[in-house]
C-alpha cells in the first residue's frame, strides 16, 4: 500500500490508490473493457481485491451496455463476473425504489451470478454478489447455535462462501446488511450477528469493525445523548482494540482500505480518542469515503470537522 500525502483535497473515488483500477474505470467509462479484464485476471488469487475491483468496475459500467457487449464479443470468466456484478447493482437499485421490474432484474442477476460461478468454481465473488440479493430472494435458513436471537437468514449461502474465503470482507458486510432494519431486519438480530461475526474473526482482522458498522446503522440523532454513544466504555474499548491490533497491519495492504479506516477513524474521533483517530486519518492519506460520515451530515463537512479537531490538514486550511 502506498498512501499519498494529503495535499488539501479529498479523493472520493473508491479506486483510491489502486492505480490500475482507476485506469480501468476510465476505460470502462470510455466503453473499453480490456484493462478491466486484465486487472480482474490479475486479482484471481486475492479474493478481497477481486471483490473490490469487480464492484467498483460494475458501478462504472452499470449505466452502459459495456458488460453485455463484452459478453457477446469476448466471453470468459471476467466478463461473466462483471456482468453478474452489474446485474446485481441494477437489481438492488430497482429494489430500493420499489420499481415493478425488480423481480425480473433479481432473477436475471441470480442467473448471472450462477453462470459466473460456473466459469471459475473456486472464486467466491459471484456468490458474494448473490448474497447481496438474499433479501429479495427470500433466503431464510435457520441460524447456527451460538446466537441469542437465532435470526433466520442466508446462512447456507454465507457458509458456502466461507469455505472459499473464511474472512472474506465483503461477504461479511453483505451478510450483516441482510439484518439491517432498512432491509427488513431487526436491531436485536443486527447486534447478535455483528457480535457473532466479529468475535470469531482474528484480533488483527478488519472484520472486528463490524459492530462499529452496526453502531452507525443504529444511529438515531433524536435519541438522548446519541453522539455520546461512542464514549461508552464498551465502544471506546472496541475502537482502541481495533486501532491497536489491526491498524498497524494496514501498511502491508496492497491498497488503502479507505472504508474500514473511515469507520475506525470516526469511532475513535467520536470516542474522543483524538490521538488514535489521527493515526487512522493519516493512514487514509487523501482518500475519503462517504460512509460513515453521510449518516451524520454532509460527508465532506463531517470529515473536515473531524480532521480539524484532530489537528490534521483540511481542504483550504
Protein backbone atom coordinates (compact mmCIF):
# COMPACT_ATOMS: atom_id res chain seq x y z
CA UNK A 1 0.00 0.00 0.00
CA UNK A 2 1.26 3.45 -0.87
CA UNK A 3 -0.79 6.18 0.73
CA UNK A 4 -0.18 9.62 -0.73
CA UNK A 5 0.28 12.68 1.43
CA UNK A 6 -2.68 14.96 1.98
CA UNK A 7 -2.42 17.98 -0.28
CA UNK A 8 -5.60 19.79 0.67
CA UNK A 9 -8.16 17.94 -1.46
CA UNK A 10 -10.00 14.73 -0.74
CA UNK A 11 -10.05 11.90 -3.29
CA UNK A 12 -13.53 10.37 -3.17
CA UNK A 13 -13.26 7.78 -5.93
CA UNK A 14 -13.44 4.23 -4.49
CA UNK A 15 -10.42 3.13 -6.54
CA UNK A 16 -8.29 5.19 -4.10
CA UNK A 17 -4.62 4.34 -4.67
CA UNK A 18 -5.28 1.25 -6.80
CA UNK A 19 -3.98 2.98 -9.91
CA UNK A 20 -4.70 0.03 -12.19
CA UNK A 21 -8.31 0.07 -11.05
CA UNK A 22 -8.56 3.83 -11.52
CA UNK A 23 -7.22 3.48 -15.07
CA UNK A 24 -9.62 0.62 -15.82
CA UNK A 25 -12.51 2.74 -14.54
CA UNK A 26 -11.58 5.45 -17.01
CA UNK A 27 -11.52 2.89 -19.81
CA UNK A 28 -14.91 1.50 -18.78
CA UNK A 29 -16.40 4.99 -18.87
CA UNK A 30 -14.98 5.30 -22.39
CA UNK A 31 -16.55 2.00 -23.42
CA UNK A 32 -13.40 -0.15 -23.32
CA UNK A 33 -13.08 -3.38 -21.30
CA UNK A 34 -9.55 -4.71 -21.99
CA UNK A 35 -7.94 -3.20 -18.87
CA UNK A 36 -10.90 -4.34 -16.74
CA UNK A 37 -10.30 -7.89 -17.92
CA UNK A 38 -6.58 -7.61 -17.17
CA UNK A 39 -6.95 -6.37 -13.60
CA UNK A 40 -9.67 -8.90 -12.80
CA UNK A 41 -7.50 -11.71 -14.14
CA UNK A 42 -4.57 -10.42 -12.08
CA UNK A 43 -6.65 -10.50 -8.90
CA UNK A 44 -7.90 -14.09 -9.19
CA UNK A 45 -5.66 -15.15 -6.32
CA UNK A 46 -6.72 -12.32 -3.98
CA UNK A 47 -10.44 -12.64 -3.32
CA UNK A 48 -10.83 -9.39 -1.39
CA UNK A 49 -9.12 -7.38 -4.12
CA UNK A 50 -11.11 -9.18 -6.81
CA UNK A 51 -14.35 -8.42 -4.98
CA UNK A 52 -13.47 -4.76 -4.57
CA UNK A 53 -12.30 -4.27 -8.13
CA UNK A 54 -15.29 -6.01 -9.67
CA UNK A 55 -17.71 -3.97 -7.56
CA UNK A 56 -16.07 -0.63 -8.41
CA UNK A 57 -15.89 -1.52 -12.10
CA UNK A 58 -19.54 -2.57 -12.06
CA UNK A 59 -20.55 0.77 -10.56
CA UNK A 60 -18.88 2.44 -13.53
CA UNK A 61 -20.45 0.07 -16.08
CA UNK A 62 -23.98 -0.25 -14.70
CA UNK A 63 -25.43 2.61 -16.76
CA UNK A 64 -24.00 1.42 -20.08
CA UNK A 65 -24.13 -1.68 -22.28
CA UNK A 66 -20.42 -2.41 -21.86
CA UNK A 67 -20.83 -5.71 -20.00
CA UNK A 68 -23.42 -7.01 -22.45
CA UNK A 69 -21.13 -6.12 -25.33
CA UNK A 70 -18.12 -7.69 -23.60
CA UNK A 71 -20.00 -10.94 -23.05
CA UNK A 72 -21.01 -11.03 -26.70
CA UNK A 73 -17.57 -10.17 -28.10
CA UNK A 74 -15.17 -11.96 -25.73
CA UNK A 75 -17.00 -14.23 -23.28
CA UNK A 76 -14.96 -15.53 -20.35
CA UNK A 77 -14.78 -15.64 -16.54
CA UNK A 78 -14.04 -11.95 -16.11
CA UNK A 79 -16.80 -10.84 -18.47
CA UNK A 80 -19.23 -13.15 -16.68
CA UNK A 81 -18.20 -11.81 -13.29
CA UNK A 82 -18.60 -8.18 -14.25
CA UNK A 83 -21.96 -8.92 -15.82
CA UNK A 84 -23.06 -10.59 -12.55
CA UNK A 85 -21.95 -7.54 -10.59
CA UNK A 86 -23.71 -5.13 -12.95
CA UNK A 87 -26.90 -7.20 -12.86
CA UNK A 88 -26.68 -7.24 -9.05
CA UNK A 89 -26.35 -3.45 -8.85
CA UNK A 90 -29.23 -2.87 -11.23
CA UNK A 91 -31.48 -5.23 -9.26
CA UNK A 92 -30.57 -3.55 -5.96
CA UNK A 93 -31.33 -0.13 -7.42
CA UNK A 94 -34.77 -1.28 -8.52
CA UNK A 95 -35.42 -2.87 -5.13
CA UNK A 96 -34.54 0.40 -3.39
CA UNK A 97 -37.08 2.34 -5.47
CA UNK A 98 -39.86 -0.25 -5.45
CA UNK A 99 -39.77 -0.47 -9.24
CA UNK A 100 -42.13 -3.17 -10.60
CA UNK A 101 -39.25 -4.54 -12.70
CA UNK A 102 -37.43 -5.59 -9.51
CA UNK A 103 -38.45 -9.25 -9.70
CA UNK A 104 -37.30 -9.63 -13.29
CA UNK A 105 -33.95 -7.97 -12.60
CA UNK A 106 -33.38 -10.03 -9.45
CA UNK A 107 -33.96 -13.26 -11.37
CA UNK A 108 -31.67 -12.04 -14.14
CA UNK A 109 -28.96 -11.20 -11.59
CA UNK A 110 -29.36 -14.59 -9.91
CA UNK A 111 -28.79 -16.39 -13.21
CA UNK A 112 -25.80 -14.14 -13.99
CA UNK A 113 -24.21 -14.92 -10.60
CA UNK A 114 -24.73 -18.66 -11.02
CA UNK A 115 -23.23 -18.62 -14.52
CA UNK A 116 -20.23 -16.63 -13.35
CA UNK A 117 -19.71 -19.14 -10.54
CA UNK A 118 -19.65 -21.96 -13.11
CA UNK A 119 -16.84 -20.19 -15.01
CA UNK A 120 -14.45 -20.20 -12.02
CA UNK A 121 -15.71 -22.69 -9.43
CA UNK A 122 -13.12 -21.66 -6.82
CA UNK A 123 -13.99 -17.95 -6.96
CA UNK A 124 -16.36 -16.83 -4.16
CA UNK A 125 -17.04 -13.43 -5.78
CA UNK A 126 -20.17 -14.45 -7.76
CA UNK A 127 -21.63 -15.98 -4.61
CA UNK A 128 -20.92 -12.76 -2.72
CA UNK A 129 -22.86 -10.90 -5.42
CA UNK A 130 -25.72 -13.36 -4.93
CA UNK A 131 -25.56 -12.78 -1.18
CA UNK A 132 -26.30 -9.10 -1.80
CA UNK A 133 -29.62 -10.23 -3.32
CA UNK A 134 -30.52 -12.57 -0.46
CA UNK A 135 -33.34 -10.42 0.92
CA UNK A 136 -35.03 -10.19 -2.49
CA UNK A 137 -34.57 -13.96 -2.97
CA UNK A 138 -36.15 -14.67 0.43
CA UNK A 139 -33.26 -16.67 1.91
CA UNK A 140 -34.28 -17.58 5.48
CA UNK A 141 -32.23 -20.56 6.67
CA UNK A 142 -32.17 -21.37 10.40
CA UNK A 143 -29.28 -19.82 12.32
CA UNK A 144 -26.49 -21.98 13.79
CA UNK A 145 -26.09 -22.42 17.51
CA UNK A 146 -24.43 -19.64 19.45
CA UNK A 147 -26.67 -16.70 18.62
CA UNK A 148 -29.06 -15.34 21.23
CA UNK A 149 -31.80 -14.37 18.78
CA UNK A 150 -31.26 -17.22 16.28
CA UNK A 151 -32.19 -14.96 13.35
CA UNK A 152 -33.03 -16.77 10.09
CA UNK A 153 -31.11 -15.61 7.06
CA UNK A 154 -28.90 -16.71 4.14
CA UNK A 155 -26.74 -18.86 6.41
CA UNK A 156 -26.13 -21.67 3.93
CA UNK A 157 -25.03 -19.31 1.17
CA UNK A 158 -22.79 -17.47 3.62
CA UNK A 159 -21.26 -20.76 4.81
CA UNK A 160 -20.63 -21.76 1.20
CA UNK A 161 -18.66 -18.57 0.63
CA UNK A 162 -16.65 -19.06 3.81
CA UNK A 163 -15.43 -22.42 2.54
CA UNK A 164 -13.55 -20.49 -0.17
CA UNK A 165 -12.53 -17.50 1.97
CA UNK A 166 -13.20 -17.69 5.74
CA UNK A 167 -12.57 -13.99 6.34
CA UNK A 168 -13.96 -12.53 3.11
CA UNK A 169 -14.59 -8.88 3.86
CA UNK A 170 -17.45 -8.08 1.52
CA UNK A 171 -19.24 -11.36 2.30
CA UNK A 172 -19.33 -10.48 6.00
CA UNK A 173 -20.57 -6.96 5.33
CA UNK A 174 -23.23 -8.17 2.88
CA UNK A 175 -24.37 -10.79 5.35
CA UNK A 176 -24.62 -8.27 8.19
CA UNK A 177 -26.55 -5.87 5.93
CA UNK A 178 -29.21 -8.56 5.46
CA UNK A 179 -30.21 -7.91 9.09
CA UNK A 180 -30.30 -4.09 8.88
CA UNK A 181 -33.68 -2.61 9.77
CA UNK A 182 -33.87 -0.78 6.46
CA UNK A 183 -33.53 -4.15 4.73
CA UNK A 184 -36.31 -5.74 6.78
CA UNK A 185 -34.20 -6.96 9.70
CA UNK A 186 -34.30 -6.05 13.37
CA UNK A 187 -31.99 -4.27 15.79
CA UNK A 188 -31.67 -7.37 18.01
CA UNK A 189 -30.70 -9.59 15.08
CA UNK A 190 -28.28 -7.00 13.75
CA UNK A 191 -26.41 -6.77 17.04
CA UNK A 192 -26.43 -10.52 17.52
CA UNK A 193 -24.96 -11.17 14.06
CA UNK A 194 -22.42 -8.31 14.26
CA UNK A 195 -21.14 -9.61 17.61
CA UNK A 196 -21.05 -13.22 16.43
CA UNK A 197 -19.14 -12.45 13.25
CA UNK A 198 -16.63 -10.07 14.81
CA UNK A 199 -15.80 -12.29 17.78
CA UNK A 200 -14.98 -15.27 15.56
CA UNK A 201 -12.56 -13.16 13.46
CA UNK A 202 -8.87 -12.82 14.40
CA UNK A 203 -8.00 -9.80 16.55
CA UNK A 204 -5.98 -8.38 13.66
CA UNK A 205 -8.86 -8.67 11.18
CA UNK A 206 -10.80 -5.66 9.85
CA UNK A 207 -13.92 -7.75 10.50
CA UNK A 208 -13.59 -6.64 14.11
CA UNK A 209 -15.09 -3.38 12.78
CA UNK A 210 -18.49 -4.99 12.15
CA UNK A 211 -20.03 -3.87 15.48
CA UNK A 212 -18.93 -0.30 14.68
CA UNK A 213 -20.71 -0.59 11.33
CA UNK A 214 -23.84 -1.77 13.16
CA UNK A 215 -23.47 1.12 15.60
CA UNK A 216 -23.56 3.64 12.75
CA UNK A 217 -26.53 1.82 11.24
CA UNK A 218 -28.31 2.10 14.61
CA UNK A 219 -27.62 5.83 14.98
CA UNK A 220 -30.69 7.91 15.86
CA UNK A 221 -29.91 11.64 16.06
CA UNK A 222 -33.11 12.25 18.03
CA UNK A 223 -32.10 9.87 20.81
CA UNK A 224 -30.88 11.35 24.09
CA UNK A 225 -27.07 11.77 24.06
CA UNK A 226 -26.86 9.90 20.76
CA UNK A 227 -23.44 11.33 19.89
CA UNK A 228 -22.04 10.22 23.24
CA UNK A 229 -22.64 6.55 22.46
CA UNK A 230 -19.10 6.01 21.19
CA UNK A 231 -17.72 7.29 24.51
CA UNK A 232 -19.23 4.37 26.40
CA UNK A 233 -16.53 2.01 27.74
CA UNK A 234 -17.70 -0.86 25.51
CA UNK A 235 -17.31 1.10 22.28
CA UNK A 236 -14.23 3.00 23.33
CA UNK A 237 -12.54 -0.30 24.19
CA UNK A 238 -13.66 -1.86 20.90
CA UNK A 239 -12.30 1.06 18.86
CA UNK A 240 -8.99 1.17 20.71
CA UNK A 241 -8.58 -2.60 20.35
CA UNK A 242 -9.01 -2.38 16.59
CA UNK A 243 -6.59 0.54 16.47
CA UNK A 244 -4.03 -1.47 18.41
CA UNK A 245 -4.44 -4.84 16.67
CA UNK A 246 -5.50 -4.06 13.09
CA UNK A 247 -4.28 -0.58 12.19
CA UNK A 248 -0.54 -1.50 12.21
CA UNK A 249 -1.20 -4.13 9.53
CA UNK A 250 -2.58 -1.58 7.06
CA UNK A 251 0.93 -0.72 5.87
CA UNK A 252 1.11 -4.21 4.37
CA UNK A 253 -2.07 -3.85 2.31
CA UNK A 254 -1.83 -3.69 -1.46
CA UNK A 255 -4.20 -0.73 -1.48
CA UNK A 256 -5.55 1.61 1.18
CA UNK A 257 -8.66 0.12 2.87
CA UNK A 258 -10.37 3.50 2.91
CA UNK A 259 -13.82 2.49 4.11
CA UNK A 260 -12.54 0.42 7.03
CA UNK A 261 -10.18 3.20 8.04
CA UNK A 262 -13.03 5.71 7.85
CA UNK A 263 -15.20 3.68 10.23
CA UNK A 264 -12.29 3.32 12.63
CA UNK A 265 -11.30 6.99 12.47
CA UNK A 266 -14.90 8.03 13.01
CA UNK A 267 -15.37 5.74 16.00
CA UNK A 268 -12.13 6.91 17.64
CA UNK A 269 -13.00 10.55 17.00
CA UNK A 270 -16.47 10.13 18.50
CA UNK A 271 -14.91 8.34 21.49
CA UNK A 272 -12.66 11.38 21.98
CA UNK A 273 -9.54 9.33 21.26
CA UNK A 274 -8.09 12.04 19.03
CA UNK A 275 -4.53 10.73 19.06
CA UNK A 276 -5.58 7.29 17.78
CA UNK A 277 -8.06 8.84 15.35
CA UNK A 278 -5.24 10.95 13.95
CA UNK A 279 -3.29 7.77 13.18
CA UNK A 280 -6.25 6.28 11.31
CA UNK A 281 -6.78 9.50 9.34
CA UNK A 282 -3.09 9.61 8.49
CA UNK A 283 -3.23 6.05 7.19
CA UNK A 284 -6.07 7.13 4.86
CA UNK A 285 -3.97 9.83 3.25
CA UNK A 286 -6.10 11.96 0.91
CA UNK A 287 -8.63 9.21 0.24
CA UNK A 288 -12.17 9.55 1.55
CA UNK A 289 -15.45 7.64 1.62
CA UNK A 290 -18.93 9.00 2.11
CA UNK A 291 -19.71 6.43 4.78
CA UNK A 292 -19.89 6.68 7.71
CA UNK A 293 -19.83 10.50 7.56
CA UNK A 294 -23.01 10.84 5.49
CA UNK A 295 -25.08 9.39 8.34
CA UNK A 296 -24.21 12.44 10.46
CA UNK A 297 -24.48 15.20 7.86
CA UNK A 298 -22.81 16.35 4.68
CA UNK A 299 -19.84 13.94 4.29
CA UNK A 300 -17.12 16.46 3.45
CA UNK A 301 -18.19 18.79 6.25
CA UNK A 302 -18.22 15.96 8.79
CA UNK A 303 -14.85 14.62 7.66
CA UNK A 304 -13.29 18.08 7.65
CA UNK A 305 -14.60 18.81 11.14
CA UNK A 306 -13.14 15.56 12.49
CA UNK A 307 -9.77 16.14 10.84
CA UNK A 308 -9.61 19.70 12.09
CA UNK A 309 -10.31 18.64 15.68
CA UNK A 310 -7.57 16.03 15.36
CA UNK A 311 -5.11 18.71 14.26
CA UNK A 312 -4.78 17.46 10.68
CA UNK A 313 -4.75 19.40 7.39
CA UNK A 314 -8.11 20.16 5.78
CA UNK A 315 -9.11 21.46 2.33
CA UNK A 316 -8.33 25.15 2.15
CA UNK A 317 -6.85 25.06 5.63
